[in-house]
Amino acid sequence: MKSWQIVRLVAGTFVLLSLALGVQGSPIFVSEWWLAFTAFVGANLLQSALTQWCLMESILGKLGVKRG
């Protein structure tokens, strides 16, 4: 996998997991504060789209993951 694919995979997983933990109807509900994490991931995706820079992609590059 290339770095952009991993970033999208992780972001999607974080969004779905934080929604499952933050929505009251979920069987694994913990707290509504998990929805703040969903907003954080969304804000980072927006920032990376506007600035063309993503911290996670930079970290993955240093770990040897192919950029794409």
PDB file of N, CA and C in Angstrom:
ATOM      1  N   MET A   1       0.834  -1.180   0.000  1.00  0.00           N
ATOM      2  CA  MET A   1       0.000   0.000   0.000  1.00  0.00           C
ATOM      3  C   MET A   1       0.881   1.247   0.000  1.00  0.00           C
ATOM      4  N   LYS A   2       0.371   2.262  -0.616  1.00  0.00           N
ATOM      5  CA  LYS A   2       1.077   3.543  -0.619  1.00  0.00           C
ATOM      6  C   LYS A   2       0.581   4.395   0.539  1.00  0.00           C
ATOM      7  N   SER A   3       1.334   5.442   0.852  1.00  0.00           N
ATOM      8  CA  SER A   3       1.033   6.230   2.046  1.00  0.00           C
ATOM      9  C   SER A   3      -0.362   6.843   2.018  1.00  0.00           C
ATOM     10  N   TRP A   4      -0.802   7.339   0.860  1.00  0.00           N
ATOM     11  CA  TRP A   4      -2.128   7.966   0.812  1.00  0.00           C
ATOM     12  C   TRP A   4      -3.229   6.951   1.086  1.00  0.00           C
ATOM     13  N   GLN A   5      -3.003   5.694   0.706  1.00  0.00           N
ATOM     14  CA  GLN A   5      -3.998   4.662   0.964  1.00  0.00           C
ATOM     15  C   GLN A   5      -4.070   4.336   2.454  1.00  0.00           C
ATOM     16  N   ILE A   6      -2.913   4.300   3.099  1.00  0.00           N
ATOM     17  CA  ILE A   6      -2.875   4.023   4.535  1.00  0.00           C
ATOM     18  C   ILE A   6      -3.528   5.160   5.310  1.00  0.00           C
ATOM     19  N   VAL A   7      -3.252   6.399   4.901  1.00  0.00           N
ATOM     20  CA  VAL A   7      -3.859   7.560   5.574  1.00  0.00           C
ATOM     21  C   VAL A   7      -5.375   7.479   5.487  1.00  0.00           C
ATOM     22  N   ARG A   8      -5.901   7.172   4.330  1.00  0.00           N
ATOM     23  CA  ARG A   8      -7.361   7.072   4.168  1.00  0.00           C
ATOM     24  C   ARG A   8      -7.932   5.900   4.964  1.00  0.00           C
ATOM     25  N   LEU A   9      -7.221   4.783   4.979  1.00  0.00           N
ATOM     26  CA  LEU A   9      -7.659   3.618   5.740  1.00  0.00           C
ATOM     27  C   LEU A   9      -7.730   3.934   7.226  1.00  0.00           C
ATOM     28  N   VAL A  10      -6.694   4.559   7.754  1.00  0.00           N
ATOM     29  CA  VAL A  10      -6.656   4.895   9.178  1.00  0.00           C
ATOM     30  C   VAL A  10      -7.710   5.951   9.513  1.00  0.00           C
ATOM     31  N   ALA A  11      -7.839   6.975   8.677  1.00  0.00           N
ATOM     32  CA  ALA A  11      -8.827   8.026   8.932  1.00  0.00           C
ATOM     33  C   ALA A  11     -10.245   7.443   8.938  1.00  0.00           C
ATOM     34  N   GLY A  12     -10.556   6.609   7.971  1.00  0.00           N
ATOM     35  CA  GLY A  12     -11.878   5.986   7.921  1.00  0.00           C
ATOM     36  C   GLY A  12     -12.147   5.105   9.122  1.00  0.00           C
ATOM     37  N   THR A  13     -11.134   4.355   9.540  1.00  0.00           N
ATOM     38  CA  THR A  13     -11.276   3.502  10.715  1.00  0.00           C
ATOM     39  C   THR A  13     -11.507   4.339  11.963  1.00  0.00           C
ATOM     40  N   PHE A  14     -10.731   5.426  12.118  1.00  0.00           N
ATOM     41  CA  PHE A  14     -10.900   6.303  13.279  1.00  0.00           C
ATOM     42  C   PHE A  14     -12.286   6.931  13.310  1.00  0.00           C
ATOM     43  N   VAL A  15     -12.776   7.366  12.162  1.00  0.00           N
ATOM     44  CA  VAL A  15     -14.100   7.997  12.113  1.00  0.00           C
ATOM     45  C   VAL A  15     -15.181   6.991  12.516  1.00  0.00           C
ATOM     46  N   LEU A  16     -15.143   5.807  11.924  1.00  0.00           N
ATOM     47  CA  LEU A  16     -16.169   4.807  12.241  1.00  0.00           C
ATOM     48  C   LEU A  16     -16.094   4.359  13.698  1.00  0.00           C
ATOM     49  N   LEU A  17     -14.890   4.160  14.215  1.00  0.00           N
ATOM     50  CA  LEU A  17     -14.730   3.737  15.603  1.00  0.00           C
ATOM     51  C   LEU A  17     -15.192   4.825  16.569  1.00  0.00           C
ATOM     52  N   SER A  18     -14.816   6.077  16.299  1.00  0.00           N
ATOM     53  CA  SER A  18     -15.216   7.150  17.203  1.00  0.00           C
ATOM     54  C   SER A  18     -16.726   7.392  17.146  1.00  0.00           C
ATOM     55  N   LEU A  19     -17.344   7.188  15.989  1.00  0.00           N
ATOM     56  CA  LEU A  19     -18.802   7.286  15.916  1.00  0.00           C
ATOM     57  C   LEU A  19     -19.460   6.163  16.721  1.00  0.00           C
ATOM     58  N   ALA A  20     -18.922   4.963  16.614  1.00  0.00           N
ATOM     59  CA  ALA A  20     -19.478   3.839  17.370  1.00  0.00           C
ATOM     60  C   ALA A  20     -19.352   4.073  18.872  1.00  0.00           C
ATOM     61  N   LEU A  21     -18.277   4.719  19.299  1.00  0.00           N
ATOM     62  CA  LEU A  21     -18.064   4.988  20.719  1.00  0.00           C
ATOM     63  C   LEU A  21     -18.817   6.225  21.206  1.00  0.00           C
ATOM     64  N   GLY A  22     -19.236   7.099  20.276  1.00  0.00           N
ATOM     65  CA  GLY A  22     -19.833   8.361  20.683  1.00  0.00           C
ATOM     66  C   GLY A  22     -21.322   8.524  20.453  1.00  0.00           C
ATOM     67  N   VAL A  23     -21.934   7.628  19.710  1.00  0.00           N
ATOM     68  CA  VAL A  23     -23.376   7.731  19.437  1.00  0.00           C
ATOM     69  C   VAL A  23     -24.127   6.858  20.445  1.00  0.00           C
ATOM     70  N   GLN A  24     -25.111   7.454  21.103  1.00  0.00           N
ATOM     71  CA  GLN A  24     -25.792   6.766  22.202  1.00  0.00           C
ATOM     72  C   GLN A  24     -26.475   5.464  21.806  1.00  0.00           C
ATOM     73  N   GLY A  25     -26.931   5.334  20.580  1.00  0.00           N
ATOM     74  CA  GLY A  25     -27.605   4.115  20.161  1.00  0.00           C
ATOM     75  C   GLY A  25     -26.674   2.954  19.879  1.00  0.00           C
ATOM     76  N   SER A  26     -25.392   3.199  19.908  1.00  0.00           N
ATOM     77  CA  SER A  26     -24.406   2.168  19.597  1.00  0.00           C
ATOM     78  C   SER A  26     -24.264   1.172  20.753  1.00  0.00           C
ATOM     79  N   PRO A  27     -24.067  -0.108  20.416  1.00  0.00           N
ATOM     80  CA  PRO A  27     -23.887  -1.094  21.488  1.00  0.00           C
ATOM     81  C   PRO A  27     -22.561  -0.933  22.243  1.00  0.00           C
ATOM     82  N   ILE A  28     -21.615  -0.181  21.686  1.00  0.00           N
ATOM     83  CA  ILE A  28     -20.345   0.023  22.388  1.00  0.00           C
ATOM     84  C   ILE A  28     -20.169   1.490  22.803  1.00  0.00           C
ATOM     85  N   PHE A  29     -21.282   2.184  23.017  1.00  0.00           N
ATOM     86  CA  PHE A  29     -21.260   3.587  23.426  1.00  0.00           C
ATOM     87  C   PHE A  29     -20.470   3.755  24.715  1.00  0.00           C
ATOM     88  N   VAL A  30     -19.594   4.779  24.723  1.00  0.00           N
ATOM     89  CA  VAL A  30     -18.821   5.106  25.913  1.00  0.00           C
ATOM     90  C   VAL A  30     -19.165   6.512  26.391  1.00  0.00           C
ATOM     91  N   SER A  31     -18.978   7.487  25.498  1.00  0.00           N
ATOM     92  CA  SER A  31     -19.217   8.883  25.850  1.00  0.00           C
ATOM     93  C   SER A  31     -19.434   9.691  24.580  1.00  0.00           C
ATOM     94  N   GLU A  32     -20.232  10.738  24.690  1.00  0.00           N
ATOM     95  CA  GLU A  32     -20.445  11.617  23.535  1.00  0.00           C
ATOM     96  C   GLU A  32     -19.186  12.385  23.162  1.00  0.00           C
ATOM     97  N   TRP A  33     -18.226  12.440  24.066  1.00  0.00           N
ATOM     98  CA  TRP A  33     -16.972  13.151  23.786  1.00  0.00           C
ATOM     99  C   TRP A  33     -16.168  12.493  22.670  1.00  0.00           C
ATOM    100  N   TRP A  34     -16.453  11.249  22.337  1.00  0.00           N
ATOM    101  CA  TRP A  34     -15.776  10.598  21.216  1.00  0.00           C
ATOM    102  C   TRP A  34     -16.098  11.289  19.893  1.00  0.00           C
ATOM    103  N   LEU A  35     -17.218  11.993  19.847  1.00  0.00           N
ATOM    104  CA  LEU A  35     -17.573  12.725  18.633  1.00  0.00           C
ATOM    105  C   LEU A  35     -16.594  13.870  18.373  1.00  0.00           C
ATOM    106  N   ALA A  36     -15.937  14.369  19.418  1.00  0.00           N
ATOM    107  CA  ALA A  36     -14.904  15.392  19.243  1.00  0.00           C
ATOM    108  C   ALA A  36     -13.731  14.811  18.467  1.00  0.00           C
ATOM    109  N   PHE A  37     -13.430  13.537  18.679  1.00  0.00           N
ATOM    110  CA  PHE A  37     -12.353  12.888  17.930  1.00  0.00           C
ATOM    111  C   PHE A  37     -12.732  12.770  16.451  1.00  0.00           C
ATOM    112  N   THR A  38     -14.007  12.501  16.183  1.00  0.00           N
ATOM    113  CA  THR A  38     -14.488  12.466  14.805  1.00  0.00           C
ATOM    114  C   THR A  38     -14.270  13.819  14.135  1.00  0.00           C
ATOM    115  N   ALA A  39     -14.594  14.892  14.851  1.00  0.00           N
ATOM    116  CA  ALA A  39     -14.391  16.243  14.326  1.00  0.00           C
ATOM    117  C   ALA A  39     -12.911  16.531  14.113  1.00  0.00           C
ATOM    118  N   PHE A  40     -12.055  16.065  15.009  1.00  0.00           N
ATOM    119  CA  PHE A  40     -10.608  16.255  14.889  1.00  0.00           C
ATOM    120  C   PHE A  40     -10.078  15.589  13.623  1.00  0.00           C
ATOM    121  N   VAL A  41     -10.502  14.367  13.360  1.00  0.00           N
ATOM    122  CA  VAL A  41     -10.065  13.658  12.153  1.00  0.00           C
ATOM    123  C   VAL A  41     -10.552  14.401  10.906  1.00  0.00           C
ATOM    124  N   GLY A  42     -11.801  14.837  10.913  1.00  0.00           N
ATOM    125  CA  GLY A  42     -12.340  15.596   9.781  1.00  0.00           C
ATOM    126  C   GLY A  42     -11.588  16.890   9.551  1.00  0.00           C
ATOM    127  N   ALA A  43     -11.256  17.597  10.622  1.00  0.00           N
ATOM    128  CA  ALA A  43     -10.505  18.852  10.502  1.00  0.00           C
ATOM    129  C   ALA A  43      -9.115  18.604   9.934  1.00  0.00           C
ATOM    130  N   ASN A  44      -8.481  17.514  10.340  1.00  0.00           N
ATOM    131  CA  ASN A  44      -7.161  17.189   9.801  1.00  0.00           C
ATOM    132  C   ASN A  44      -7.230  16.825   8.322  1.00  0.00           C
ATOM    133  N   LEU A  45      -8.271  16.119   7.910  1.00  0.00           N
ATOM    134  CA  LEU A  45      -8.445  15.802   6.496  1.00  0.00           C
ATOM    135  C   LEU A  45      -8.651  17.072   5.678  1.00  0.00           C
ATOM    136  N   LEU A  46      -9.446  17.990   6.210  1.00  0.00           N
ATOM    137  CA  LEU A  46      -9.675  19.265   5.540  1.00  0.00           C
ATOM    138  C   LEU A  46      -8.379  20.072   5.435  1.00  0.00           C
ATOM    139  N   GLN A  47      -7.644  20.144   6.532  1.00  0.00           N
ATOM    140  CA  GLN A  47      -6.370  20.871   6.547  1.00  0.00           C
ATOM    141  C   GLN A  47      -5.388  20.285   5.541  1.00  0.00           C
ATOM    142  N   SER A  48      -5.293  18.974   5.471  1.00  0.00           N
ATOM    143  CA  SER A  48      -4.337  18.356   4.551  1.00  0.00           C
ATOM    144  C   SER A  48      -4.734  18.572   3.095  1.00  0.00           C
ATOM    145  N   ALA A  49      -6.029  18.650   2.835  1.00  0.00           N
ATOM    146  CA  ALA A  49      -6.487  18.916   1.468  1.00  0.00           C
ATOM    147  C   ALA A  49      -6.147  20.338   1.041  1.00  0.00           C
ATOM    148  N   LEU A  50      -6.222  21.285   1.977  1.00  0.00           N
ATOM    149  CA  LEU A  50      -5.974  22.688   1.647  1.00  0.00           C
ATOM    150  C   LEU A  50      -4.492  23.044   1.615  1.00  0.00           C
ATOM    151  N   THR A  51      -3.700  22.389   2.459  1.00  0.00           N
ATOM    152  CA  THR A  51      -2.283  22.753   2.557  1.00  0.00           C
ATOM    153  C   THR A  51      -1.356  21.798   1.807  1.00  0.00           C
ATOM    154  N   GLN A  52      -1.898  20.666   1.352  1.00  0.00           N
ATOM    155  CA  GLN A  52      -1.093  19.639   0.681  1.00  0.00           C
ATOM    156  C   GLN A  52      -0.026  19.045   1.599  1.00  0.00           C
ATOM    157  N   TRP A  53      -0.250  19.067   2.923  1.00  0.00           N
ATOM    158  CA  TRP A  53       0.671  18.495   3.896  1.00  0.00           C
ATOM    159  C   TRP A  53      -0.110  17.692   4.920  1.00  0.00           C
ATOM    160  N   CYS A  54       0.368  16.487   5.209  1.00  0.00           N
ATOM    161  CA  CYS A  54      -0.277  15.603   6.168  1.00  0.00           C
ATOM    162  C   CYS A  54       0.799  15.021   7.081  1.00  0.00           C
ATOM    163  N   LEU A  55       0.661  15.236   8.389  1.00  0.00           N
ATOM    164  CA  LEU A  55       1.650  14.749   9.344  1.00  0.00           C
ATOM    165  C   LEU A  55       1.789  13.233   9.266  1.00  0.00           C
ATOM    166  N   MET A  56       0.684  12.532   9.190  1.00  0.00           N
ATOM    167  CA  MET A  56       0.756  11.074   9.152  1.00  0.00           C
ATOM    168  C   MET A  56       1.483  10.576   7.907  1.00  0.00           C
ATOM    169  N   GLU A  57       1.260  11.232   6.785  1.00  0.00           N
ATOM    170  CA  GLU A  57       1.947  10.836   5.562  1.00  0.00           C
ATOM    171  C   GLU A  57       3.450  11.092   5.680  1.00  0.00           C
ATOM    172  N   SER A  58       3.831  12.159   6.359  1.00  0.00           N
ATOM    173  CA  SER A  58       5.249  12.440   6.601  1.00  0.00           C
ATOM    174  C   SER A  58       5.873  11.367   7.483  1.00  0.00           C
ATOM    175  N   ILE A  59       5.147  10.958   8.526  1.00  0.00           N
ATOM    176  CA  ILE A  59       5.639   9.916   9.414  1.00  0.00           C
ATOM    177  C   ILE A  59       5.774   8.585   8.673  1.00  0.00           C
ATOM    178  N   LEU A  60       4.776   8.262   7.860  1.00  0.00           N
ATOM    179  CA  LEU A  60       4.827   7.026   7.080  1.00  0.00           C
ATOM    180  C   LEU A  60       6.010   7.033   6.114  1.00  0.00           C
ATOM    181  N   GLY A  61       6.298   8.193   5.540  1.00  0.00           N
ATOM    182  CA  GLY A  61       7.452   8.314   4.629  1.00  0.00           C
ATOM    183  C   GLY A  61       8.751   8.021   5.344  1.00  0.00           C
ATOM    184  N   LYS A  62       8.886   8.499   6.593  1.00  0.00           N
ATOM    185  CA  LYS A  62      10.091   8.233   7.366  1.00  0.00           C
ATOM    186  C   LYS A  62      10.195   6.769   7.796  1.00  0.00           C
ATOM    187  N   LEU A  63       9.054   6.094   7.852  1.00  0.00           N
ATOM    188  CA  LEU A  63       9.052   4.663   8.183  1.00  0.00           C
ATOM    189  C   LEU A  63       9.301   3.791   6.949  1.00  0.00           C
ATOM    190  N   GLY A  64       9.450   4.429   5.796  1.00  0.00           N
ATOM    191  CA  GLY A  64       9.786   3.687   4.589  1.00  0.00           C
ATOM    192  C   GLY A  64       8.617   3.313   3.716  1.00  0.00           C
ATOM    193  N   VAL A  65       7.426   3.818   4.009  1.00  0.00           N
ATOM    194  CA  VAL A  65       6.257   3.520   3.179  1.00  0.00           C
ATOM    195  C   VAL A  65       6.359   4.349   1.900  1.00  0.00           C
ATOM    196  N   LYS A  66       6.061   3.706   0.768  1.00  0.00           N
ATOM    197  CA  LYS A  66       6.124   4.410  -0.517  1.00  0.00           C
ATOM    198  C   LYS A  66       5.089   5.517  -0.600  1.00  0.00           C
ATOM    199  N   ARG A  67       5.529   6.658  -1.062  1.00  0.00           N
ATOM    200  CA  ARG A  67       4.603   7.769  -1.296  1.00  0.00           C
ATOM    201  C   ARG A  67       3.902   7.525  -2.629  1.00  0.00           C
ATOM    202  N   GLY A  68       2.716   8.057  -2.727  1.00  0.00           N
ATOM    203  CA  GLY A  68       2.014   7.843  -3.978  1.00  0.00           C
ATOM    204  C   GLY A  68       1.015   8.916  -4.280  1.00  0.00           C
TER     205      GLY A  68
END
